[in-house]
Every structure is written in C-alpha cells, then in structure tokens.
Amino acid sequence: MNYLNMTKRELELEYSKLNQDYKNYKNKNLKLDMSRGKPSSEQLDLSNNILRQEILNYNIDNLDIRNYGCLTGLESVKKLFSEVFETDTQNMLIGGNSSLNLMHDIIANSMLFSSSESKDCKPWKDYKKIKFLCPVPGYDRHFSICEKFGIEMINIKINSHGPDINKIEKLVSEDESIKGIWCVPKYSNPTGITYSDEIVRRLANLNPKAKDFKIFWDNAYAIHDIFDNPDKLLDIFEEAKKNNKQDMIYIFYSTSKITFPGSGISFLVASDNNLSRIKNWLAPQTIGFDKINQLRHLLFFKNSENIKNHMKKHAKILANKFLMVDQILTKNLSGTNLATWSKPAGGYFISLDTLDNCAKKVVNLCNEAGVIFTPAGSTFPYGNDPDDKNIRIAPTYPSIDELFTSIDLLCLCIKIISIEKLI
C-alpha cells in the first residue's frame, strides 16, 4: 500500500486503525531497550571460559607478566591477532579494554602536544579553530569526543561506497584547520556499508593542507561478518605506505564484541613515527596495560583459526536477528514509500530512514509505548540530523521475542507519524 498515493479520507481511516493498534501496545506496559549495540547474554556466554583459564606459566615472551613493563603489549598476543586482522605486529600496540579510550587519548594528547614530526605543526589547542570531517550517519561517541574538546565537526554524506570522497579531497586540500576524519570503514555504524577499494585508496592518498592531518580508522567490525559472502576491506595502511603517507593513519581494533566489552583488549596500528610519539604520551600515565588479560585471550583462542570459528558462533546468533528485522520491515513497510533501510552483511546495526522530519517523533512515540531506541539525531554531530530522518536499529541485544515486538512497534509508529505528516 503506497501511502503517498492515498486520499486524505483513506489516510484518516488508516490512522484511526493504527492508533488503536498503538493503544494496544501501550497497554502491554513494555520495558524494552534497543538503544545500544551491545552483545546479547547468549553471545557473552561464548567467551565464559576465558575466565576459567588455568595459568601455569607467567613467563611469556621472556617477561614475567605479573610485573611491570611491556608498554606496547605481549608479542605473542600481537602475533595472534595480527593474523586475524591481517596487519603487521611491528606497527601494533595493545591497549586496555577500550579502543575508544585510545582514540580519546590520542585526540587529547594532540590537543596538548604536536601530533606531527613537522616543526610547522603546533598543539591543536594553539590553533584558533580546528575541525574534523564526520561521515554521516555515523558513530555518536566519535562525535562526543570532538564536542568535548571543542572541535568543529563537518558533515560528510555517506553512500553505499563510503563517504563523499570528492568533497573530502577538496576540503582537506583547501583548509588547514581540518585536522582529521572519523571512519568506521567496515560495516559502518550505523549504515552497515563497507568502504570500496577506490574510496580506501583515495583516502590513503589524500593531500591535506594540514601537515598534522590524521585518519582515525575505527575498524571495530573488522571480523564481524554475519552472512556468507562477507564484505572485504582494502588495507588502508598498506595503501598509504605506497606513497609514504602512513603517518596519516591511525587504525583501531578491539575484542569488545569478540569476547567481553567490559574486559577485552584493544589494538592500535600506526606508523613508526606515530607509535614512537604515542609511547612517549603513554609512558607518564602507565607502565603497561593488563598483560594477564592479554594472556587470558591468548590461552583461550590459541590460534587465529579458533578466533574465526568463534566469530562464526557469534554470526549464527546474529543472523537470525538481522533476518527477522528485515522481514518485519519488509512485511510492514515495503511498498509504502515511508521508509528505506540497510541490509548489511555484518556489523551491529541497521540504518533506517523515515520521511523527512519524522524520525524524532517516531522514536518518541516508541519510547512512550515502552521501547527505547537510540535518540534520533544521535548519528549526526551535535545530535542534529538536518533531515530528521535517520534511526539506528541495534538488533543484537534483545531476545528474538523482544526484537519482534520492538520492530513491529517501530513500523507502527512510522506509519502513524508519516500519516500525520501527509495529512
């Protein structure tokens, strides 16, 4: 049923019926949370044995891991995960449980100290204004970091191939105050798209006016494939090295959605120059991150093949949920011309677009019925979606039954708010 072709009378009759369905939902007194992309308890259970590892030998890599030292992390753990992430241990640093923490610290230290070898570069705080490019819709926590430090954010529209690379190339070549760009390149949060090879190559070969420009490559979903024929992402670090531009790149990974978000390990891949600078930044604040937790991961997985098999177990749990969301959206909204949505092959999110100026009202209506979605606008800097149409769906945490109820209600609310707009 194409709602855009319905008469006013037809819309009014449909509106009356939908509102009765909505009242029925409100009477259920629901309390469901769809607001964050968290692993479900079933997923977390996959890693419970990591806490039961019997450590018989604390001397790893010629180091007693119970003691101080080893700022960049255990070499054995770097080797294990470098095989999975397909990167080089030489350029890897292992952090604490949060890659977001590494990103925040790099931004903070760049504000206080020079983030480049060039003598022409100053600490970012000494510039009158600094800016970051933000592909949108994007990850709200990236935007929160910029907002905290007073960094002006510039929206860059993202499509099925990646962010608008023509606009990026133009802006960074002309404006020295642009110091970086946020990227979630594989199964992007929330659209689920993966950057094409062309986009990756052109990003790796940017010619920014700012000599201290950095690409924050948050590869959070690097191995989070859900379906067969997963997306492939070109290695930006290797592409940058071809033209000696590796100093422009920071790459981040973590085990947050592989083992436990609250007690995983994070990884940074960076050039020799950048790693040297980062180690100097880290040295006054820590003598080393949690090496015993690094060893737990090593003992639990043992080899890269086991990590891949572990991720297949995650995929089996998530596939049913992502398929269900698509089926419910298709059943309720296909042919209505009221919404479009992504169909990612992996990651943690589905991105849905309503008609313009409807997303906030839809989310509020869902909230009033007891189902909490991520606030509309969160996928844009400053919480401001200029078209007020994007809604981030996080299918991972709820049970199948809760997910069915939540998405069915979402579809109902989209119809109600859309009819209000059309009438």
Foldseek 3Di string as FASTA:
>chain_A
DAQLPDDLVVLVVVLVVLVVVLVVLLVVVAAAEFADQAFAPVLQVLFVCLVVDDDPDCQAPNDNLVDFADAQAGLLLLVFVCVVLVHDSVQKGKAFLDLLVVVLLLLVVLQVAPQDPDPVTGRLVPDPAAEEEEEPLAALSVLVSCVVVVHHYDYFYADQQGTPLVVVLVVQQPDQRYAEYEEQAALGVAAGHHHDPVSLLSVLVRDGPHPNHAYEHEPACSLFFQDPPADDHDDSLVSNVVVPNQQRYKYKYWCCSQHNSVGTMIMIGGDPVSVVVVCVSCVVPGSHYNRVRSVSVCSSQVHNVSSNVSSNVVSVLCVVQLVLLVVLCCVLPPPHPAKDKHRHRGDFKIKMFGAFPQQQQLQVSLVSSNYHYHHQQSSDNPSDDPRSTIGIGGRRHDDSVSSNSSSNSSSSSSSNSVSVVSD
